């Protein structure tokens, strides 16, 4: 059955993110050429991730790693979090985005690796299999970054618990949710000492590994 949405609500939703420019997709159903679609999808992925951008491709990791230790740039972490104020909230955001927790966490490199294994068989490209292994290694590098300076244990427990209950039951325990948001609000006010050099070095290693992996993907497909 169709899902009906009032036009004004649809228009408001499409207009929320200005960079999408109210984009509208119209699916046209046809029997797909799966092999061609997979190969072109991988090519498109490699091209976009190799492009120059400070926000949506691999150079963003390099820029972020530099901001971790830049003491002159106004947006450098040592200046933004001088004295340790607010850094707990930033680390929570980093941890939640990288780990499979929270509302949208998970770096998905392991999922991409599974896709490469399937593509290797479908496309007859056995060289994609070792590349899948490399993306699983990168998945571990992201995990190491998130765990290098994780938020408090109780914050992590509640974030995971609330996510699990939402996924399994469609709702979260009210007491857990209240405590979680209270701790999140307090996190930005808690000073903390962080080894920014270590975080920057870990992120730079991720940038180099992913750049080499994507370059190899471009060669293969």
N, C-alpha and C. Protein backbone atom coordinates (compact mmCIF):
# COMPACT_ATOMS: atom_id res chain seq x y z
N UNK A 1 0.85 -1.20 0.00
CA UNK A 1 0.00 0.00 0.00
C UNK A 1 0.88 1.25 0.00
N UNK A 2 0.44 2.29 -0.70
CA UNK A 2 1.24 3.52 -0.70
C UNK A 2 1.23 4.20 0.67
N UNK A 3 2.31 4.90 0.98
CA UNK A 3 2.39 5.71 2.20
C UNK A 3 2.14 7.15 1.79
N UNK A 4 1.10 7.74 2.30
CA UNK A 4 0.71 9.09 1.89
C UNK A 4 1.27 10.12 2.88
N UNK A 5 1.85 11.19 2.33
CA UNK A 5 2.41 12.27 3.13
C UNK A 5 1.85 13.58 2.61
N UNK A 6 1.35 14.45 3.50
CA UNK A 6 0.85 15.75 3.04
C UNK A 6 1.93 16.50 2.25
N UNK A 7 1.54 17.15 1.17
CA UNK A 7 2.51 17.82 0.30
C UNK A 7 3.34 18.85 1.05
N UNK A 8 2.70 19.62 1.94
CA UNK A 8 3.47 20.65 2.65
C UNK A 8 4.54 20.05 3.55
N UNK A 9 4.25 18.87 4.11
CA UNK A 9 5.25 18.22 4.95
C UNK A 9 6.40 17.70 4.09
N UNK A 10 6.07 17.13 2.94
CA UNK A 10 7.09 16.64 2.02
C UNK A 10 7.98 17.79 1.55
N UNK A 11 7.37 18.92 1.19
CA UNK A 11 8.13 20.09 0.73
C UNK A 11 9.05 20.59 1.84
N UNK A 12 8.55 20.62 3.07
CA UNK A 12 9.36 21.10 4.19
C UNK A 12 10.54 20.17 4.44
N UNK A 13 10.31 18.86 4.35
CA UNK A 13 11.38 17.89 4.57
C UNK A 13 12.47 18.02 3.51
N UNK A 14 12.06 18.17 2.25
CA UNK A 14 13.03 18.26 1.16
C UNK A 14 13.82 19.56 1.22
N UNK A 15 13.24 20.59 1.82
CA UNK A 15 13.90 21.90 1.87
C UNK A 15 14.81 22.05 3.09
N UNK A 16 14.80 21.07 3.99
CA UNK A 16 15.57 21.23 5.23
C UNK A 16 17.07 21.34 4.99
N UNK A 17 17.61 20.53 4.08
CA UNK A 17 19.05 20.54 3.81
C UNK A 17 19.28 21.30 2.52
N UNK A 18 19.81 22.51 2.66
CA UNK A 18 19.90 23.40 1.50
C UNK A 18 20.79 22.83 0.40
N UNK A 19 21.83 22.05 0.78
CA UNK A 19 22.75 21.53 -0.24
C UNK A 19 22.08 20.52 -1.16
N UNK A 20 20.95 19.91 -0.71
CA UNK A 20 20.24 18.97 -1.58
C UNK A 20 19.42 19.70 -2.64
N UNK A 21 19.13 20.98 -2.40
CA UNK A 21 18.39 21.81 -3.36
C UNK A 21 17.07 21.17 -3.78
N UNK A 22 16.35 20.66 -2.79
CA UNK A 22 15.03 20.07 -3.05
C UNK A 22 15.07 18.96 -4.10
N UNK A 23 16.14 18.18 -4.07
CA UNK A 23 16.30 17.15 -5.08
C UNK A 23 15.15 16.15 -5.01
N UNK A 24 14.75 15.64 -6.15
CA UNK A 24 13.67 14.66 -6.23
C UNK A 24 14.12 13.51 -7.13
N UNK A 25 14.01 12.29 -6.62
CA UNK A 25 14.36 11.12 -7.40
C UNK A 25 13.09 10.43 -7.89
N UNK A 26 13.08 10.04 -9.16
CA UNK A 26 11.95 9.31 -9.72
C UNK A 26 12.46 7.94 -10.17
N UNK A 27 12.15 6.87 -9.42
CA UNK A 27 12.63 5.54 -9.81
C UNK A 27 11.90 5.04 -11.06
N UNK A 28 12.66 4.46 -11.95
CA UNK A 28 12.08 3.85 -13.15
C UNK A 28 12.47 2.38 -13.12
N UNK A 29 11.48 1.52 -12.96
CA UNK A 29 11.76 0.11 -12.75
C UNK A 29 12.12 -0.56 -14.06
N UNK A 30 13.18 -1.36 -14.00
CA UNK A 30 13.62 -2.13 -15.16
C UNK A 30 14.44 -3.30 -14.65
N UNK A 31 14.64 -4.30 -15.50
CA UNK A 31 15.49 -5.42 -15.12
C UNK A 31 16.94 -4.93 -15.11
N UNK A 32 17.60 -4.93 -13.95
CA UNK A 32 18.93 -4.32 -13.88
C UNK A 32 20.03 -5.24 -14.41
N UNK A 33 21.05 -4.62 -14.95
CA UNK A 33 22.29 -5.31 -15.27
C UNK A 33 23.14 -5.23 -14.01
N UNK A 34 23.02 -6.23 -13.15
CA UNK A 34 23.61 -6.16 -11.81
C UNK A 34 25.13 -6.01 -11.88
N UNK A 35 25.77 -6.78 -12.74
CA UNK A 35 27.23 -6.71 -12.83
C UNK A 35 27.68 -5.30 -13.21
N UNK A 36 27.04 -4.72 -14.20
CA UNK A 36 27.40 -3.37 -14.62
C UNK A 36 27.12 -2.36 -13.50
N UNK A 37 25.99 -2.52 -12.83
CA UNK A 37 25.64 -1.59 -11.76
C UNK A 37 26.64 -1.64 -10.61
N UNK A 38 27.07 -2.85 -10.25
CA UNK A 38 28.05 -2.99 -9.16
C UNK A 38 29.38 -2.36 -9.55
N UNK A 39 29.84 -2.64 -10.77
CA UNK A 39 31.13 -2.09 -11.20
C UNK A 39 31.07 -0.56 -11.26
N UNK A 40 30.00 -0.02 -11.82
CA UNK A 40 29.90 1.43 -11.92
C UNK A 40 29.70 2.06 -10.54
N UNK A 41 29.02 1.34 -9.65
CA UNK A 41 28.88 1.85 -8.29
C UNK A 41 30.22 1.95 -7.58
N UNK A 42 31.06 0.94 -7.75
CA UNK A 42 32.39 0.97 -7.14
C UNK A 42 33.25 2.06 -7.77
N UNK A 43 33.13 2.23 -9.08
CA UNK A 43 33.87 3.32 -9.74
C UNK A 43 33.44 4.67 -9.20
N UNK A 44 32.13 4.84 -9.07
CA UNK A 44 31.59 6.11 -8.58
C UNK A 44 32.07 6.37 -7.15
N UNK A 45 32.07 5.33 -6.33
CA UNK A 45 32.55 5.46 -4.96
C UNK A 45 34.01 5.90 -4.94
N UNK A 46 34.85 5.23 -5.73
CA UNK A 46 36.27 5.56 -5.76
C UNK A 46 36.52 6.98 -6.25
N UNK A 47 35.77 7.39 -7.27
CA UNK A 47 35.96 8.73 -7.82
C UNK A 47 35.57 9.80 -6.81
N UNK A 48 34.43 9.61 -6.15
CA UNK A 48 33.97 10.63 -5.21
C UNK A 48 34.87 10.73 -3.98
N UNK A 49 35.33 9.58 -3.49
CA UNK A 49 36.19 9.61 -2.31
C UNK A 49 37.58 10.14 -2.63
N UNK A 50 37.96 10.12 -3.89
CA UNK A 50 39.26 10.65 -4.29
C UNK A 50 39.21 12.14 -4.61
N UNK A 51 38.01 12.70 -4.70
CA UNK A 51 37.86 14.09 -5.10
C UNK A 51 38.36 15.04 -4.01
N UNK A 52 38.64 16.27 -4.41
CA UNK A 52 39.08 17.28 -3.45
C UNK A 52 37.86 17.83 -2.70
N UNK A 53 37.91 17.75 -1.39
CA UNK A 53 36.83 18.26 -0.57
C UNK A 53 37.30 18.30 0.87
N UNK A 54 36.85 19.30 1.60
CA UNK A 54 37.17 19.38 3.02
C UNK A 54 36.10 18.73 3.89
N UNK A 55 35.05 18.20 3.26
CA UNK A 55 33.94 17.69 4.04
C UNK A 55 33.51 16.28 3.66
N UNK A 56 33.54 15.93 2.37
CA UNK A 56 32.87 14.71 1.94
C UNK A 56 33.76 13.75 1.17
N UNK A 57 35.06 13.80 1.34
CA UNK A 57 35.94 12.82 0.72
C UNK A 57 37.16 12.63 1.61
N UNK A 58 38.07 11.78 1.18
CA UNK A 58 39.20 11.41 2.04
C UNK A 58 40.04 12.58 2.55
N UNK A 59 40.25 13.65 1.77
CA UNK A 59 41.02 14.77 2.32
C UNK A 59 40.45 15.35 3.61
N UNK A 60 39.16 15.10 3.88
CA UNK A 60 38.58 15.58 5.13
C UNK A 60 39.27 14.95 6.33
N UNK A 61 39.68 13.66 6.20
CA UNK A 61 40.38 13.02 7.31
C UNK A 61 41.74 13.68 7.54
N UNK A 62 42.43 14.03 6.46
CA UNK A 62 43.74 14.68 6.60
C UNK A 62 43.59 16.04 7.27
N UNK A 63 42.57 16.80 6.84
CA UNK A 63 42.34 18.11 7.45
C UNK A 63 42.00 17.95 8.93
N UNK A 64 41.16 16.98 9.25
CA UNK A 64 40.76 16.76 10.64
C UNK A 64 41.97 16.38 11.49
N UNK A 65 42.85 15.52 10.95
CA UNK A 65 44.03 15.11 11.71
C UNK A 65 44.92 16.31 12.02
N UNK A 66 45.01 17.24 11.08
CA UNK A 66 45.81 18.45 11.31
C UNK A 66 45.17 19.35 12.34
N UNK A 67 43.84 19.44 12.29
CA UNK A 67 43.14 20.28 13.26
C UNK A 67 43.29 19.74 14.68
N UNK A 68 43.59 18.44 14.80
CA UNK A 68 43.77 17.85 16.12
C UNK A 68 44.96 18.45 16.86
N UNK A 69 45.96 18.94 16.11
CA UNK A 69 47.19 19.43 16.74
C UNK A 69 47.53 20.87 16.39
N UNK A 70 46.74 21.52 15.54
CA UNK A 70 47.05 22.88 15.09
C UNK A 70 46.76 23.88 16.21
N UNK A 71 47.81 24.53 16.69
CA UNK A 71 47.66 25.49 17.79
C UNK A 71 47.45 26.91 17.29
N UNK A 72 47.56 27.13 15.98
CA UNK A 72 47.41 28.48 15.44
C UNK A 72 46.04 28.72 14.83
N UNK A 73 45.48 27.67 14.20
CA UNK A 73 44.17 27.80 13.59
C UNK A 73 43.10 27.94 14.66
N UNK A 74 42.17 28.86 14.44
CA UNK A 74 41.11 29.10 15.43
C UNK A 74 40.23 27.87 15.63
N UNK A 75 40.19 26.98 14.61
CA UNK A 75 39.37 25.77 14.72
C UNK A 75 40.17 24.55 15.17
N UNK A 76 41.46 24.75 15.44
CA UNK A 76 42.28 23.64 15.93
C UNK A 76 41.80 23.18 17.30
N UNK A 77 41.82 21.88 17.51
CA UNK A 77 41.30 21.34 18.77
C UNK A 77 42.04 21.87 20.01
N UNK A 78 43.37 22.05 19.95
CA UNK A 78 44.04 22.58 21.14
C UNK A 78 43.55 23.97 21.52
N UNK A 79 43.09 24.76 20.53
CA UNK A 79 42.56 26.09 20.84
C UNK A 79 41.08 26.03 21.20
N UNK A 80 40.31 25.25 20.44
CA UNK A 80 38.88 25.16 20.71
C UNK A 80 38.64 24.59 22.11
N UNK A 81 39.46 23.60 22.48
CA UNK A 81 39.27 22.94 23.77
C UNK A 81 40.38 23.28 24.75
N UNK A 82 40.86 24.49 24.68
CA UNK A 82 41.89 24.94 25.61
C UNK A 82 41.41 24.76 27.05
N UNK A 83 42.24 24.16 27.88
CA UNK A 83 41.85 23.92 29.25
C UNK A 83 40.99 22.68 29.43
N UNK A 84 40.65 22.02 28.34
CA UNK A 84 39.87 20.80 28.43
C UNK A 84 38.38 21.00 28.45
N UNK A 85 37.91 22.25 28.45
CA UNK A 85 36.47 22.50 28.50
C UNK A 85 35.81 22.08 27.18
N UNK A 86 34.75 21.29 27.30
CA UNK A 86 33.97 20.90 26.12
C UNK A 86 34.48 19.73 25.35
N UNK A 87 35.70 19.27 25.65
CA UNK A 87 36.28 18.20 24.85
C UNK A 87 35.56 16.87 25.09
N UNK A 88 34.97 16.68 26.27
CA UNK A 88 34.25 15.42 26.55
C UNK A 88 33.09 15.24 25.57
N UNK A 89 32.38 16.33 25.28
CA UNK A 89 31.28 16.25 24.32
C UNK A 89 31.77 15.91 22.92
N UNK A 90 32.92 16.48 22.54
CA UNK A 90 33.48 16.19 21.21
C UNK A 90 33.90 14.74 21.10
N UNK A 91 34.51 14.21 22.16
CA UNK A 91 34.95 12.82 22.15
C UNK A 91 33.75 11.87 22.12
N UNK A 92 32.68 12.27 22.79
CA UNK A 92 31.45 11.47 22.75
C UNK A 92 30.92 11.42 21.32
N UNK A 93 30.91 12.57 20.64
CA UNK A 93 30.44 12.62 19.27
C UNK A 93 31.30 11.75 18.36
N UNK A 94 32.62 11.81 18.55
CA UNK A 94 33.54 10.98 17.76
C UNK A 94 33.27 9.50 18.01
N UNK A 95 33.20 9.13 19.27
CA UNK A 95 33.00 7.72 19.64
C UNK A 95 31.66 7.21 19.10
N UNK A 96 30.61 8.01 19.26
CA UNK A 96 29.28 7.60 18.83
C UNK A 96 29.20 7.47 17.31
N UNK A 97 29.93 8.32 16.58
CA UNK A 97 29.89 8.26 15.13
C UNK A 97 30.68 7.09 14.56
N UNK A 98 31.73 6.66 15.27
CA UNK A 98 32.60 5.60 14.77
C UNK A 98 32.11 4.22 15.17
N UNK A 99 31.64 4.08 16.40
CA UNK A 99 31.23 2.78 16.90
C UNK A 99 29.77 2.48 16.52
N UNK A 100 29.39 1.21 16.48
CA UNK A 100 28.00 0.87 16.13
C UNK A 100 27.07 1.06 17.32
N UNK A 101 26.98 2.30 17.76
CA UNK A 101 26.12 2.65 18.89
C UNK A 101 25.43 3.96 18.57
N UNK A 102 24.59 4.44 19.49
CA UNK A 102 23.94 5.72 19.26
C UNK A 102 22.91 5.66 18.15
N UNK A 103 22.49 6.82 17.70
CA UNK A 103 21.42 6.89 16.71
C UNK A 103 21.90 6.52 15.31
N UNK A 104 23.15 6.84 14.97
CA UNK A 104 23.61 6.57 13.61
C UNK A 104 25.08 6.16 13.60
N UNK A 105 25.52 5.47 14.65
CA UNK A 105 26.94 5.13 14.75
C UNK A 105 27.35 3.96 13.87
N UNK A 106 28.65 3.86 13.66
CA UNK A 106 29.21 2.76 12.89
C UNK A 106 29.97 3.28 11.69
N UNK A 107 31.24 2.89 11.54
CA UNK A 107 32.01 3.43 10.41
C UNK A 107 31.83 2.61 9.13
N UNK A 108 31.20 1.42 9.23
CA UNK A 108 30.72 0.65 8.07
C UNK A 108 31.83 0.13 7.16
N UNK A 109 33.10 0.24 7.56
CA UNK A 109 34.16 -0.31 6.70
C UNK A 109 34.06 -1.83 6.59
N UNK A 110 33.62 -2.48 7.67
CA UNK A 110 33.46 -3.93 7.61
C UNK A 110 32.31 -4.31 6.68
N UNK A 111 31.25 -3.51 6.66
CA UNK A 111 30.14 -3.78 5.75
C UNK A 111 30.59 -3.59 4.30
N UNK A 112 31.39 -2.56 4.05
CA UNK A 112 31.91 -2.33 2.70
C UNK A 112 32.81 -3.50 2.29
N UNK A 113 33.58 -4.02 3.24
CA UNK A 113 34.43 -5.17 2.96
C UNK A 113 33.60 -6.37 2.53
N UNK A 114 32.48 -6.61 3.22
CA UNK A 114 31.58 -7.70 2.81
C UNK A 114 31.09 -7.50 1.38
N UNK A 115 30.78 -6.25 1.03
CA UNK A 115 30.34 -5.94 -0.32
C UNK A 115 31.42 -6.22 -1.35
N UNK A 116 32.67 -5.92 -1.00
CA UNK A 116 33.78 -6.18 -1.92
C UNK A 116 33.98 -7.68 -2.13
N UNK A 117 33.79 -8.46 -1.07
CA UNK A 117 33.88 -9.92 -1.23
C UNK A 117 32.82 -10.43 -2.20
N UNK A 118 31.61 -9.92 -2.07
CA UNK A 118 30.53 -10.33 -2.97
C UNK A 118 30.81 -9.85 -4.40
N UNK A 119 31.34 -8.63 -4.51
CA UNK A 119 31.64 -8.08 -5.84
C UNK A 119 32.75 -8.88 -6.52
N UNK A 120 33.70 -9.38 -5.73
CA UNK A 120 34.80 -10.15 -6.30
C UNK A 120 34.27 -11.37 -7.05
N UNK A 121 33.29 -12.04 -6.47
CA UNK A 121 32.70 -13.21 -7.13
C UNK A 121 31.84 -12.81 -8.31
N UNK A 122 31.03 -11.77 -8.14
CA UNK A 122 30.11 -11.34 -9.18
C UNK A 122 30.85 -10.83 -10.42
N UNK A 123 31.92 -10.06 -10.19
CA UNK A 123 32.63 -9.42 -11.30
C UNK A 123 33.80 -10.24 -11.81
N UNK A 124 34.12 -11.34 -11.14
CA UNK A 124 35.30 -12.11 -11.53
C UNK A 124 36.57 -11.32 -11.29
N UNK A 125 36.61 -10.58 -10.18
CA UNK A 125 37.78 -9.76 -9.84
C UNK A 125 38.34 -10.24 -8.49
N UNK A 126 39.17 -11.29 -8.50
CA UNK A 126 39.69 -11.83 -7.24
C UNK A 126 40.53 -10.84 -6.45
N UNK A 127 41.05 -9.82 -7.12
CA UNK A 127 41.88 -8.84 -6.41
C UNK A 127 41.08 -7.98 -5.44
N UNK A 128 39.75 -8.04 -5.55
CA UNK A 128 38.93 -7.31 -4.59
C UNK A 128 38.94 -7.96 -3.21
N UNK A 129 39.29 -9.25 -3.14
CA UNK A 129 39.25 -9.94 -1.85
C UNK A 129 40.32 -9.43 -0.87
N UNK A 130 41.58 -9.31 -1.29
CA UNK A 130 42.55 -8.73 -0.35
C UNK A 130 42.23 -7.28 -0.01
N UNK A 131 41.59 -6.58 -0.93
CA UNK A 131 41.18 -5.20 -0.65
C UNK A 131 40.11 -5.19 0.44
N UNK A 132 39.23 -6.19 0.40
CA UNK A 132 38.24 -6.31 1.47
C UNK A 132 38.92 -6.49 2.81
N UNK A 133 39.98 -7.29 2.83
CA UNK A 133 40.74 -7.48 4.06
C UNK A 133 41.34 -6.19 4.56
N UNK A 134 41.78 -5.35 3.64
CA UNK A 134 42.35 -4.07 4.04
C UNK A 134 41.29 -3.16 4.66
N UNK A 135 40.08 -3.18 4.11
CA UNK A 135 39.02 -2.35 4.69
C UNK A 135 38.62 -2.87 6.07
N UNK A 136 38.74 -4.17 6.31
CA UNK A 136 38.48 -4.67 7.66
C UNK A 136 39.57 -4.20 8.61
N UNK A 137 40.80 -4.10 8.12
CA UNK A 137 41.87 -3.56 8.96
C UNK A 137 41.61 -2.10 9.28
N UNK A 138 41.15 -1.34 8.27
CA UNK A 138 40.83 0.07 8.49
C UNK A 138 39.69 0.22 9.49
N UNK A 139 38.73 -0.70 9.40
CA UNK A 139 37.64 -0.71 10.39
C UNK A 139 38.22 -0.77 11.81
N UNK A 140 39.25 -1.59 11.98
CA UNK A 140 39.91 -1.70 13.27
C UNK A 140 40.64 -0.43 13.67
N UNK A 141 41.20 0.28 12.68
CA UNK A 141 41.88 1.55 12.97
C UNK A 141 40.88 2.59 13.49
N UNK A 142 39.69 2.62 12.87
CA UNK A 142 38.66 3.54 13.35
C UNK A 142 38.24 3.17 14.77
N UNK A 143 38.11 1.88 15.02
CA UNK A 143 37.75 1.43 16.37
C UNK A 143 38.81 1.89 17.37
N UNK A 144 40.09 1.76 16.99
CA UNK A 144 41.17 2.19 17.87
C UNK A 144 41.13 3.67 18.15
N UNK A 145 40.78 4.47 17.14
CA UNK A 145 40.68 5.92 17.33
C UNK A 145 39.59 6.25 18.34
N UNK A 146 38.42 5.62 18.18
CA UNK A 146 37.30 5.90 19.07
C UNK A 146 37.60 5.49 20.50
N UNK A 147 38.34 4.39 20.67
CA UNK A 147 38.63 3.89 22.00
C UNK A 147 39.89 4.51 22.61
N UNK A 148 40.61 5.33 21.84
CA UNK A 148 41.82 5.96 22.38
C UNK A 148 41.48 6.99 23.46
N UNK A 149 40.34 7.64 23.33
CA UNK A 149 39.90 8.62 24.34
C UNK A 149 38.39 8.57 24.43
N UNK A 150 37.86 7.45 24.92
CA UNK A 150 36.40 7.28 24.93
C UNK A 150 35.74 8.14 25.99
N UNK A 151 34.44 8.40 25.84
CA UNK A 151 33.70 9.11 26.89
C UNK A 151 33.56 8.20 28.10
N UNK A 152 32.98 8.74 29.16
CA UNK A 152 32.82 7.98 30.39
C UNK A 152 32.06 6.68 30.21
N UNK A 153 32.34 5.71 31.08
CA UNK A 153 31.76 4.38 30.94
C UNK A 153 30.23 4.41 31.00
N UNK A 154 29.66 5.20 31.91
CA UNK A 154 28.22 5.25 32.04
C UNK A 154 27.57 5.84 30.79
N UNK A 155 28.21 6.85 30.20
CA UNK A 155 27.70 7.42 28.96
C UNK A 155 27.65 6.37 27.86
N UNK A 156 28.71 5.58 27.78
CA UNK A 156 28.75 4.55 26.75
C UNK A 156 27.68 3.48 26.99
N UNK A 157 27.53 3.07 28.24
CA UNK A 157 26.53 2.05 28.55
C UNK A 157 25.13 2.51 28.18
N UNK A 158 24.79 3.74 28.56
CA UNK A 158 23.45 4.24 28.30
C UNK A 158 23.21 4.45 26.80
N UNK A 159 24.22 4.96 26.09
CA UNK A 159 24.08 5.18 24.65
C UNK A 159 23.78 3.86 23.94
N UNK A 160 24.52 2.81 24.31
CA UNK A 160 24.30 1.49 23.70
C UNK A 160 22.95 0.92 24.10
N UNK A 161 22.57 1.09 25.37
CA UNK A 161 21.30 0.53 25.85
C UNK A 161 20.11 1.19 25.18
N UNK A 162 20.14 2.51 25.05
CA UNK A 162 19.03 3.22 24.43
C UNK A 162 18.91 2.84 22.96
N UNK A 163 20.04 2.73 22.28
CA UNK A 163 19.99 2.32 20.87
C UNK A 163 19.40 0.92 20.74
N UNK A 164 19.85 0.00 21.57
CA UNK A 164 19.38 -1.38 21.48
C UNK A 164 17.88 -1.47 21.71
N UNK A 165 17.38 -0.73 22.72
CA UNK A 165 15.95 -0.78 23.00
C UNK A 165 15.13 -0.14 21.89
N UNK A 166 15.67 0.90 21.27
CA UNK A 166 14.96 1.53 20.15
C UNK A 166 14.88 0.59 18.96
N UNK A 167 15.98 -0.12 18.69
CA UNK A 167 16.01 -1.03 17.55
C UNK A 167 15.12 -2.25 17.77
N UNK A 168 15.11 -2.78 18.99
CA UNK A 168 14.38 -4.01 19.26
C UNK A 168 12.92 -3.80 19.65
N UNK A 169 12.65 -2.70 20.36
CA UNK A 169 11.32 -2.49 20.88
C UNK A 169 10.63 -1.24 20.33
N UNK A 170 11.38 -0.40 19.64
CA UNK A 170 10.80 0.81 19.09
C UNK A 170 10.67 1.94 20.09
N UNK A 171 11.11 1.72 21.32
CA UNK A 171 11.05 2.76 22.34
C UNK A 171 12.17 2.53 23.34
N UNK A 172 12.54 3.56 24.06
CA UNK A 172 13.62 3.47 25.04
C UNK A 172 13.05 3.61 26.44
N UNK A 173 13.75 2.99 27.39
CA UNK A 173 13.37 3.15 28.79
C UNK A 173 13.46 4.62 29.17
N UNK A 174 12.39 5.14 29.75
CA UNK A 174 12.32 6.58 30.04
C UNK A 174 13.42 7.01 31.00
N UNK A 175 13.69 6.20 32.01
CA UNK A 175 14.71 6.55 32.99
C UNK A 175 16.10 6.58 32.35
N UNK A 176 16.38 5.57 31.49
CA UNK A 176 17.67 5.54 30.78
C UNK A 176 17.82 6.76 29.89
N UNK A 177 16.75 7.09 29.16
CA UNK A 177 16.80 8.23 28.24
C UNK A 177 17.04 9.54 28.99
N UNK A 178 16.36 9.73 30.11
CA UNK A 178 16.56 10.96 30.89
C UNK A 178 17.98 11.07 31.42
N UNK A 179 18.49 9.94 31.94
CA UNK A 179 19.86 9.96 32.46
C UNK A 179 20.87 10.22 31.35
N UNK A 180 20.63 9.60 30.18
CA UNK A 180 21.54 9.78 29.06
C UNK A 180 21.63 11.24 28.64
N UNK A 181 20.48 11.89 28.45
CA UNK A 181 20.50 13.28 28.00
C UNK A 181 21.06 14.20 29.07
N UNK A 182 20.87 13.85 30.33
CA UNK A 182 21.45 14.64 31.40
C UNK A 182 22.98 14.55 31.37
N UNK A 183 23.48 13.33 31.17
CA UNK A 183 24.94 13.14 31.09
C UNK A 183 25.52 13.81 29.84
N UNK A 184 24.79 13.73 28.73
CA UNK A 184 25.28 14.38 27.50
C UNK A 184 25.36 15.89 27.69
N UNK A 185 24.37 16.47 28.34
CA UNK A 185 24.39 17.92 28.57
C UNK A 185 25.54 18.31 29.48
N UNK A 186 25.82 17.45 30.45
CA UNK A 186 26.90 17.76 31.39
C UNK A 186 28.28 17.54 30.77
N UNK A 187 28.35 16.68 29.74
CA UNK A 187 29.64 16.33 29.15
C UNK A 187 30.38 17.55 28.61
N UNK A 188 29.65 18.46 27.98
CA UNK A 188 30.29 19.64 27.39
C UNK A 188 30.89 20.56 28.44
N UNK A 189 30.52 20.39 29.70
CA UNK A 189 31.00 21.29 30.75
C UNK A 189 32.13 20.67 31.58
N UNK A 190 32.49 19.41 31.23
CA UNK A 190 33.50 18.72 32.02
C UNK A 190 34.88 18.87 31.39
N UNK A 191 35.84 19.49 32.10
CA UNK A 191 37.20 19.60 31.57
C UNK A 191 37.89 18.24 31.55
N UNK A 192 38.76 18.05 30.58
CA UNK A 192 39.46 16.76 30.46
C UNK A 192 40.75 16.96 29.69
N UNK A 193 41.78 16.24 30.09
CA UNK A 193 43.07 16.29 29.40
C UNK A 193 43.10 15.19 28.34
N UNK A 194 43.45 15.56 27.11
CA UNK A 194 43.43 14.62 25.99
C UNK A 194 44.75 14.71 25.24
N UNK A 195 45.25 13.57 24.79
CA UNK A 195 46.46 13.53 23.98
C UNK A 195 46.07 13.76 22.52
N UNK A 196 46.00 15.02 22.13
CA UNK A 196 45.58 15.35 20.77
C UNK A 196 46.58 14.83 19.73
N UNK A 197 47.85 14.79 20.08
CA UNK A 197 48.86 14.30 19.13
C UNK A 197 48.60 12.84 18.77
N UNK A 198 48.22 12.04 19.78
CA UNK A 198 47.92 10.63 19.52
C UNK A 198 46.69 10.49 18.63
N UNK A 199 45.64 11.26 18.92
CA UNK A 199 44.44 11.20 18.10
C UNK A 199 44.74 11.63 16.66
N UNK A 200 45.53 12.70 16.52
CA UNK A 200 45.88 13.18 15.18
C UNK A 200 46.67 12.15 14.40
N UNK A 201 47.61 11.49 15.08
CA UNK A 201 48.43 10.48 14.41
C UNK A 201 47.57 9.28 13.98
N UNK A 202 46.64 8.89 14.82
CA UNK A 202 45.75 7.78 14.47
C UNK A 202 44.88 8.14 13.26
N UNK A 203 44.37 9.36 13.24
CA UNK A 203 43.52 9.79 12.14
C UNK A 203 44.33 9.92 10.85
N UNK A 204 45.57 10.37 10.95
CA UNK A 204 46.43 10.47 9.77
C UNK A 204 46.72 9.08 9.20
N UNK A 205 46.91 8.10 10.08
CA UNK A 205 47.13 6.72 9.62
C UNK A 205 45.91 6.19 8.89
N UNK A 206 44.74 6.55 9.39
CA UNK A 206 43.50 6.14 8.72
C UNK A 206 43.41 6.78 7.33
N UNK A 207 43.75 8.07 7.26
CA UNK A 207 43.71 8.78 5.97
C UNK A 207 44.64 8.09 4.95
N UNK A 208 45.86 7.77 5.37
CA UNK A 208 46.82 7.14 4.45
C UNK A 208 46.34 5.76 4.02
N UNK A 209 45.80 4.98 4.96
CA UNK A 209 45.34 3.63 4.64
C UNK A 209 44.14 3.66 3.70
N UNK A 210 43.18 4.53 3.99
CA UNK A 210 41.99 4.60 3.14
C UNK A 210 42.32 5.16 1.77
N UNK A 211 43.23 6.13 1.71
CA UNK A 211 43.62 6.69 0.41
C UNK A 211 44.25 5.62 -0.46
N UNK A 212 45.15 4.80 0.13
CA UNK A 212 45.79 3.74 -0.64
C UNK A 212 44.76 2.69 -1.07
N UNK A 213 43.81 2.38 -0.19
CA UNK A 213 42.80 1.37 -0.52
C UNK A 213 41.89 1.85 -1.64
N UNK A 214 41.49 3.10 -1.58
CA UNK A 214 40.62 3.64 -2.64
C UNK A 214 41.38 3.74 -3.96
N UNK A 215 42.66 4.10 -3.91
CA UNK A 215 43.47 4.15 -5.14
C UNK A 215 43.54 2.75 -5.76
N UNK A 216 43.68 1.73 -4.93
CA UNK A 216 43.72 0.36 -5.43
C UNK A 216 42.37 -0.03 -6.02
N UNK A 217 41.30 0.39 -5.38
CA UNK A 217 39.96 0.10 -5.91
C UNK A 217 39.79 0.72 -7.30
N UNK A 218 40.28 1.93 -7.48
CA UNK A 218 40.18 2.57 -8.81
C UNK A 218 40.93 1.77 -9.86
N UNK A 219 42.08 1.25 -9.49
CA UNK A 219 42.87 0.45 -10.45
C UNK A 219 42.13 -0.82 -10.86
N UNK A 220 41.47 -1.45 -9.90
CA UNK A 220 40.82 -2.73 -10.16
C UNK A 220 39.57 -2.57 -11.03
N UNK A 221 38.75 -1.55 -10.73
CA UNK A 221 37.47 -1.44 -11.42
C UNK A 221 37.48 -0.41 -12.53
